[in-house]
C-alpha atoms as a PDB file:
ATOM      1  CA  MET A   1     -23.003  -2.062 -75.878  1.00  0.00           C
ATOM      2  CA  THR A   2     -20.260  -2.404 -73.251  1.00  0.00           C
ATOM      3  CA  LYS A   3     -17.544  -4.838 -74.239  1.00  0.00           C
ATOM      4  CA  LYS A   4     -16.890  -7.354 -71.491  1.00  0.00           C
ATOM      5  CA  PRO A   5     -13.267  -7.835 -70.398  1.00  0.00           C
ATOM      6  CA  PRO A   6     -11.644 -11.192 -71.124  1.00  0.00           C
ATOM      7  CA  PHE A   7     -11.912 -13.990 -68.622  1.00  0.00           C
ATOM      8  CA  HIS A   8      -8.597 -14.814 -66.939  1.00  0.00           C
ATOM      9  CA  ILE A   9      -7.693 -18.428 -66.261  1.00  0.00           C
ATOM     10  CA  ALA A  10      -4.636 -20.091 -64.740  1.00  0.00           C
ATOM     11  CA  LEU A  11      -3.980 -23.737 -65.665  1.00  0.00           C
ATOM     12  CA  PHE A  12      -1.751 -25.715 -63.282  1.00  0.00           C
ATOM     13  CA  VAL A  13      -0.490 -29.161 -64.340  1.00  0.00           C
ATOM     14  CA  ASP A  14       0.746 -31.579 -61.751  1.00  0.00           C
ATOM     15  CA  GLY A  15       3.635 -33.309 -63.519  1.00  0.00           C
ATOM     16  CA  PHE A  16       3.388 -36.384 -61.290  1.00  0.00           C
ATOM     17  CA  THR A  17      -0.136 -37.032 -62.500  1.00  0.00           C
ATOM     18  CA  LEU A  18       0.737 -36.183 -66.112  1.00  0.00           C
ATOM     19  CA  LYS A  19       3.620 -38.675 -66.007  1.00  0.00           C
ATOM     20  CA  LYS A  20       1.344 -41.517 -64.831  1.00  0.00           C
ATOM     21  CA  VAL A  21      -1.392 -40.593 -67.291  1.00  0.00           C
ATOM     22  CA  ASN A  22       0.992 -40.461 -70.271  1.00  0.00           C
ATOM     23  CA  GLU A  23       2.530 -43.774 -69.260  1.00  0.00           C
ATOM     24  CA  TYR A  24      -0.902 -45.357 -69.067  1.00  0.00           C
ATOM     25  CA  TYR A  25      -2.058 -44.204 -72.528  1.00  0.00           C
ATOM     26  CA  ARG A  26       1.309 -44.952 -74.172  1.00  0.00           C
ATOM     27  CA  PHE A  27       2.012 -48.369 -72.732  1.00  0.00           C
ATOM     28  CA  HIS A  28      -1.157 -49.895 -71.304  1.00  0.00           C
ATOM     29  CA  HIS A  29      -4.164 -48.403 -73.112  1.00  0.00           C
ATOM     30  CA  PRO A  30      -5.190 -49.611 -76.622  1.00  0.00           C
ATOM     31  CA  PHE A  31      -4.661 -46.077 -77.997  1.00  0.00           C
ATOM     32  CA  HIS A  32      -0.903 -46.304 -77.420  1.00  0.00           C
ATOM     33  CA  SER A  33      -0.675 -42.546 -77.727  1.00  0.00           C
ATOM     34  CA  ARG A  34       0.272 -39.576 -75.558  1.00  0.00           C
ATOM     35  CA  LEU A  35      -1.581 -36.444 -74.584  1.00  0.00           C
ATOM     36  CA  ASP A  36      -1.496 -33.474 -76.880  1.00  0.00           C
ATOM     37  CA  PHE A  37      -0.560 -30.444 -74.678  1.00  0.00           C
ATOM     38  CA  ARG A  38      -1.977 -27.836 -77.058  1.00  0.00           C
ATOM     39  CA  GLY A  39      -5.208 -29.785 -77.395  1.00  0.00           C
ATOM     40  CA  ILE A  40      -5.608 -30.225 -73.610  1.00  0.00           C
ATOM     41  CA  LYS A  41      -4.929 -26.511 -73.108  1.00  0.00           C
ATOM     42  CA  ASN A  42      -7.458 -25.354 -75.709  1.00  0.00           C
ATOM     43  CA  TRP A  43     -10.083 -27.854 -74.587  1.00  0.00           C
ATOM     44  CA  ALA A  44      -9.700 -26.894 -70.944  1.00  0.00           C
ATOM     45  CA  ARG A  45      -9.978 -23.177 -71.800  1.00  0.00           C
ATOM     46  CA  GLN A  46     -13.305 -23.763 -73.545  1.00  0.00           C
ATOM     47  CA  GLU A  47     -14.626 -25.901 -70.697  1.00  0.00           C
ATOM     48  CA  ALA A  48     -13.726 -23.248 -68.123  1.00  0.00           C
ATOM     49  CA  LEU A  49     -15.529 -20.584 -70.181  1.00  0.00           C
ATOM     50  CA  ARG A  50     -18.560 -22.804 -70.558  1.00  0.00           C
ATOM     51  CA  LEU A  51     -18.753 -23.478 -66.800  1.00  0.00           C
ATOM     52  CA  PHE A  52     -17.640 -20.190 -65.302  1.00  0.00           C
ATOM     53  CA  ALA A  53     -18.340 -17.485 -67.911  1.00  0.00           C
ATOM     54  CA  PRO A  54     -20.874 -18.692 -70.510  1.00  0.00           C
ATOM     55  CA  ASP A  55     -21.529 -15.063 -71.487  1.00  0.00           C
ATOM     56  CA  ARG A  56     -17.933 -14.635 -72.688  1.00  0.00           C
ATOM     57  CA  ASN A  57     -16.438 -16.002 -75.843  1.00  0.00           C
ATOM     58  CA  PHE A  58     -12.752 -15.401 -75.070  1.00  0.00           C
ATOM     59  CA  ALA A  59     -10.385 -16.171 -72.209  1.00  0.00           C
ATOM     60  CA  LEU A  60      -6.774 -15.304 -71.449  1.00  0.00           C
ATOM     61  CA  MET A  61      -4.972 -18.282 -69.941  1.00  0.00           C
ATOM     62  CA  GLU A  62      -1.564 -18.727 -68.452  1.00  0.00           C
ATOM     63  CA  CYS A  63      -0.250 -22.303 -68.181  1.00  0.00           C
ATOM     64  CA  HIS A  64       2.188 -23.780 -65.660  1.00  0.00           C
ATOM     65  CA  TYR A  65       3.720 -27.247 -65.570  1.00  0.00           C
ATOM     66  CA  TYR A  66       5.341 -28.579 -62.379  1.00  0.00           C
ATOM     67  CA  HIS A  67       8.008 -31.225 -62.735  1.00  0.00           C
ATOM     68  CA  PRO A  68       7.566 -33.953 -60.087  1.00  0.00           C
ATOM     69  CA  TYR A  69      11.291 -34.078 -59.359  1.00  0.00           C
ATOM     70  CA  LYS A  70      14.093 -31.642 -58.651  1.00  0.00           C
ATOM     71  CA  ASP A  71      16.263 -33.245 -61.304  1.00  0.00           C
ATOM     72  CA  PRO A  72      14.122 -33.333 -64.478  1.00  0.00           C
ATOM     73  CA  LYS A  73      16.468 -35.788 -66.165  1.00  0.00           C
ATOM     74  CA  ARG A  74      15.132 -38.466 -63.881  1.00  0.00           C
ATOM     75  CA  TYR A  75      11.629 -37.829 -65.184  1.00  0.00           C
ATOM     76  CA  GLY A  76      12.152 -39.408 -68.565  1.00  0.00           C
ATOM     77  CA  GLY A  77      15.391 -41.311 -68.018  1.00  0.00           C
ATOM     78  CA  ASN A  78      17.499 -39.324 -70.507  1.00  0.00           C
ATOM     79  CA  THR A  79      18.500 -35.717 -71.067  1.00  0.00           C
ATOM     80  CA  ALA A  80      17.394 -35.646 -74.699  1.00  0.00           C
ATOM     81  CA  GLY A  81      13.897 -36.856 -73.872  1.00  0.00           C
ATOM     82  CA  ILE A  82      13.529 -34.236 -71.156  1.00  0.00           C
ATOM     83  CA  SER A  83      14.751 -31.474 -73.483  1.00  0.00           C
ATOM     84  CA  CYS A  84      12.213 -32.493 -76.121  1.00  0.00           C
ATOM     85  CA  PHE A  85       9.427 -32.709 -73.569  1.00  0.00           C
ATOM     86  CA  GLU A  86      10.178 -29.258 -72.155  1.00  0.00           C
ATOM     87  CA  ARG A  87      10.617 -27.753 -75.609  1.00  0.00           C
ATOM     88  CA  GLU A  88       7.142 -29.005 -76.553  1.00  0.00           C
ATOM     89  CA  LEU A  89       5.610 -27.586 -73.377  1.00  0.00           C
ATOM     90  CA  ARG A  90       7.200 -24.184 -73.915  1.00  0.00           C
ATOM     91  CA  TYR A  91       6.189 -24.174 -77.585  1.00  0.00           C
ATOM     92  CA  VAL A  92       2.499 -24.376 -76.646  1.00  0.00           C
ATOM     93  CA  GLY A  93       2.818 -21.734 -73.900  1.00  0.00           C
ATOM     94  CA  PHE A  94       3.639 -23.520 -70.678  1.00  0.00           C
ATOM     95  CA  GLN A  95       5.973 -22.119 -68.019  1.00  0.00           C
ATOM     96  CA  ILE A  96       8.004 -24.920 -66.372  1.00  0.00           C
ATOM     97  CA  HIS A  97       8.727 -25.220 -62.682  1.00  0.00           C
ATOM     98  CA  TYR A  98      10.970 -27.683 -60.843  1.00  0.00           C
ATOM     99  CA  ALA A  99      10.444 -29.386 -57.492  1.00  0.00           C
ATOM    100  CA  GLU A 100      12.390 -28.176 -54.450  1.00  0.00           C
ATOM    101  CA  SER A 101      12.626 -31.693 -53.038  1.00  0.00           C
ATOM    102  CA  CYS A 102      15.198 -34.058 -54.480  1.00  0.00           C
ATOM    103  CA  GLU A 103      13.333 -37.177 -53.319  1.00  0.00           C
ATOM    104  CA  TYR A 104      12.392 -39.401 -56.248  1.00  0.00           C
ATOM    105  CA  GLY A 105       8.841 -40.494 -56.716  1.00  0.00           C
ATOM    106  CA  GLN A 106       7.625 -39.619 -53.258  1.00  0.00           C
ATOM    107  CA  SER A 107       5.115 -36.833 -53.919  1.00  0.00           C
ATOM    108  CA  PRO A 108       4.000 -34.270 -56.478  1.00  0.00           C
ATOM    109  CA  ASN A 109       5.611 -30.822 -56.642  1.00  0.00           C
ATOM    110  CA  MET A 110       3.931 -28.871 -53.885  1.00  0.00           C
ATOM    111  CA  GLY A 111       5.253 -25.621 -55.320  1.00  0.00           C
ATOM    112  CA  LEU A 112       2.130 -25.800 -57.479  1.00  0.00           C
ATOM    113  CA  MET A 113      -0.137 -25.069 -54.492  1.00  0.00           C
ATOM    114  CA  GLN A 114       2.046 -22.228 -53.237  1.00  0.00           C
ATOM    115  CA  ASP A 115       2.155 -20.568 -56.641  1.00  0.00           C
ATOM    116  CA  ALA A 116      -1.591 -20.965 -57.257  1.00  0.00           C
ATOM    117  CA  LEU A 117      -2.313 -19.141 -54.012  1.00  0.00           C
ATOM    118  CA  LEU A 118       0.199 -16.412 -54.792  1.00  0.00           C
ATOM    119  CA  PHE A 119      -1.311 -15.927 -58.236  1.00  0.00           C
ATOM    120  CA  ALA A 120      -4.781 -15.797 -56.767  1.00  0.00           C
ATOM    121  CA  THR A 121      -3.725 -13.208 -54.229  1.00  0.00           C
ATOM    122  CA  TYR A 122      -1.608 -10.868 -56.335  1.00  0.00           C
ATOM    123  CA  ARG A 123      -2.692 -11.472 -59.973  1.00  0.00           C
ATOM    124  CA  LYS A 124      -6.069 -10.975 -61.582  1.00  0.00           C
ATOM    125  CA  ILE A 125      -7.360 -14.446 -62.331  1.00  0.00           C
ATOM    126  CA  ASP A 126     -11.033 -15.448 -62.408  1.00  0.00           C
ATOM    127  CA  ALA A 127     -10.722 -19.224 -62.234  1.00  0.00           C
ATOM    128  CA  VAL A 128      -8.188 -21.999 -61.813  1.00  0.00           C
ATOM    129  CA  ILE A 129      -7.947 -25.243 -63.785  1.00  0.00           C
ATOM    130  CA  LEU A 130      -6.052 -27.958 -61.920  1.00  0.00           C
ATOM    131  CA  PHE A 131      -4.808 -31.039 -63.758  1.00  0.00           C
ATOM    132  CA  SER A 132      -4.189 -33.505 -60.971  1.00  0.00           C
ATOM    133  CA  SER A 133      -5.479 -36.535 -59.097  1.00  0.00           C
ATOM    134  CA  GLN A 134      -3.314 -36.163 -55.963  1.00  0.00           C
ATOM    135  CA  GLY A 135      -4.731 -35.803 -52.445  1.00  0.00           C
ATOM    136  CA  GLN A 136      -1.863 -33.517 -51.441  1.00  0.00           C
ATOM    137  CA  PHE A 137      -3.659 -30.771 -53.319  1.00  0.00           C
ATOM    138  CA  ALA A 138      -7.008 -31.334 -51.634  1.00  0.00           C
ATOM    139  CA  PRO A 139      -6.817 -28.105 -49.545  1.00  0.00           C
ATOM    140  CA  LEU A 140      -6.138 -25.931 -52.616  1.00  0.00           C
ATOM    141  CA  PRO A 141      -9.697 -25.533 -53.989  1.00  0.00           C
ATOM    142  CA  ASP A 142     -10.994 -24.422 -50.556  1.00  0.00           C
ATOM    143  CA  LYS A 143      -8.179 -21.933 -50.166  1.00  0.00           C
ATOM    144  CA  LEU A 144      -8.825 -20.535 -53.628  1.00  0.00           C
ATOM    145  CA  ARG A 145     -12.556 -20.367 -52.954  1.00  0.00           C
ATOM    146  CA  ALA A 146     -11.833 -18.220 -49.890  1.00  0.00           C
ATOM    147  CA  LEU A 147     -10.138 -15.796 -52.297  1.00  0.00           C
ATOM    148  CA  GLY A 148     -13.181 -15.799 -54.576  1.00  0.00           C
ATOM    149  CA  ILE A 149     -11.675 -18.065 -57.225  1.00  0.00           C
ATOM    150  CA  PRO A 150     -13.348 -21.365 -58.293  1.00  0.00           C
ATOM    151  CA  THR A 151     -11.484 -24.498 -59.337  1.00  0.00           C
ATOM    152  CA  LEU A 152     -12.143 -26.780 -62.274  1.00  0.00           C
ATOM    153  CA  LEU A 153     -10.471 -30.147 -61.579  1.00  0.00           C
ATOM    154  CA  LEU A 154      -9.320 -32.390 -64.483  1.00  0.00           C
ATOM    155  CA  GLY A 155      -8.896 -35.795 -62.886  1.00  0.00           C
ATOM    156  CA  TRP A 156      -8.136 -39.290 -64.060  1.00  0.00           C
ATOM    157  CA  ASN A 157      -9.196 -42.812 -63.059  1.00  0.00           C
ATOM    158  CA  PHE A 158      -7.861 -45.954 -64.679  1.00  0.00           C
ATOM    159  CA  THR A 159      -6.797 -49.537 -63.976  1.00  0.00           C
ATOM    160  CA  TYR A 160      -4.234 -51.731 -65.700  1.00  0.00           C
ATOM    161  CA  PRO A 161      -2.223 -54.932 -65.043  1.00  0.00           C
ATOM    162  CA  LYS A 162       1.460 -54.703 -64.251  1.00  0.00           C
ATOM    163  CA  ASP A 163       3.856 -57.328 -62.900  1.00  0.00           C
ATOM    164  CA  SER A 164       1.115 -59.779 -62.082  1.00  0.00           C
ATOM    165  CA  ARG A 165      -0.952 -57.274 -60.195  1.00  0.00           C
ATOM    166  CA  TRP A 166      -3.530 -54.574 -60.897  1.00  0.00           C
ATOM    167  CA  ILE A 167      -2.641 -50.882 -60.682  1.00  0.00           C
ATOM    168  CA  HIS A 168      -5.543 -48.651 -59.690  1.00  0.00           C
ATOM    169  CA  TRP A 169      -5.121 -44.928 -60.330  1.00  0.00           C
ATOM    170  CA  LYS A 170      -7.907 -42.757 -58.942  1.00  0.00           C
ATOM    171  CA  THR A 171      -8.559 -39.062 -58.335  1.00  0.00           C
ATOM    172  CA  ASP A 172      -8.531 -38.300 -54.618  1.00  0.00           C
ATOM    173  CA  CYS A 173     -12.122 -37.959 -53.417  1.00  0.00           C
ATOM    174  CA  SER A 174     -11.431 -34.959 -51.189  1.00  0.00           C
ATOM    175  CA  LEU A 175      -9.723 -33.083 -53.997  1.00  0.00           C
ATOM    176  CA  ARG A 176     -12.674 -33.881 -56.267  1.00  0.00           C
ATOM    177  CA  ASP A 177     -15.334 -32.905 -53.699  1.00  0.00           C
ATOM    178  CA  ASN A 178     -13.576 -29.640 -52.786  1.00  0.00           C
ATOM    179  CA  SER A 179     -13.427 -28.416 -56.394  1.00  0.00           C
ATOM    180  CA  ALA A 180     -16.275 -26.376 -57.883  1.00  0.00           C
ATOM    181  CA  TYR A 181     -16.346 -28.670 -60.948  1.00  0.00           C
ATOM    182  CA  TYR A 182     -14.818 -32.028 -61.661  1.00  0.00           C
ATOM    183  CA  ILE A 183     -14.317 -33.559 -65.122  1.00  0.00           C
ATOM    184  CA  ALA A 184     -13.425 -37.251 -65.441  1.00  0.00           C
ATOM    185  CA  MET A 185     -10.796 -36.866 -68.157  1.00  0.00           C
ATOM    186  CA  ASP A 186     -10.504 -40.633 -68.679  1.00  0.00           C
ATOM    187  CA  LYS A 187     -14.085 -40.527 -70.015  1.00  0.00           C
ATOM    188  CA  VAL A 188     -13.337 -37.493 -72.220  1.00  0.00           C
ATOM    189  CA  ALA A 189     -10.199 -39.183 -73.546  1.00  0.00           C
ATOM    190  CA  GLY A 190     -12.016 -42.456 -74.161  1.00  0.00           C
ATOM    191  CA  SER A 191     -14.593 -40.663 -76.290  1.00  0.00           C
ATOM    192  CA  ASN A 192     -11.894 -38.937 -78.401  1.00  0.00           C
ATOM    193  CA  PRO A 193      -9.365 -41.439 -79.774  1.00  0.00           C
ATOM    194  CA  PRO A 194      -6.279 -40.203 -81.656  1.00  0.00           C
ATOM    195  CA  ALA A 195      -7.307 -38.773 -85.025  1.00  0.00           C
ATOM    196  CA  LYS A 196      -5.823 -36.258 -87.460  1.00  0.00           C
ATOM    197  CA  ASP A 197      -8.964 -34.178 -87.833  1.00  0.00           C
ATOM    198  CA  ALA A 198     -10.631 -34.709 -84.449  1.00  0.00           C
ATOM    199  CA  SER A 199     -12.792 -31.832 -83.217  1.00  0.00           C
ATOM    200  CA  VAL A 200     -11.546 -32.487 -79.651  1.00  0.00           C
ATOM    201  CA  LYS A 201      -7.807 -33.175 -79.846  1.00  0.00           C
ATOM    202  CA  ILE A 202      -6.762 -34.933 -76.647  1.00  0.00           C
ATOM    203  CA  PHE A 203      -4.012 -37.120 -78.070  1.00  0.00           C
ATOM    204  CA  SER A 204      -1.000 -36.626 -80.308  1.00  0.00           C
ATOM    205  CA  LEU A 205      -0.760 -38.963 -83.306  1.00  0.00           C
ATOM    206  CA  ALA A 206       2.953 -39.404 -82.662  1.00  0.00           C
ATOM    207  CA  SER A 207       3.635 -41.884 -79.874  1.00  0.00           C
END
């Protein structure tokens, strides 16, 4: 029996979206917790295999995180916090990329889209997982599809009150519609609260 080669996946995390999602679950959601990077990575790998290669039981995955700002110290407000955040990402296998633009809070790091297309062109990857909700990335799934690579989108929708008004965070509809598959991660997270022995580990117990 011929052994099938491993499935190759590239996970790209939009740091702008991750920042907002983490803030929501830490400060506004009843869980008061933050995402577990290793858990998200492992869960996403299994979902990609289930959707794109159900006949395989193993996938190789490279993971890339894109800071939303050129100066990462502005991301968390202090150097120690950023160092801890980056150390945690690297520990679970993420490569870290910084934005070229020095504008604060204007847009996500568009280097993500450039790198994804370069990887798709010159590296052997079978599928892309995109963690984002931003419309700036809406052209990416179509461009990847033209190269024969499908996209699994991990998006988020939530609403919370802040400063006497409601904040509505939604995944861009064009980005969602252009992707081969879309998973509403707010629903996945809501079904998997923080727990020490959870079968699906979305959140870290430490806040």
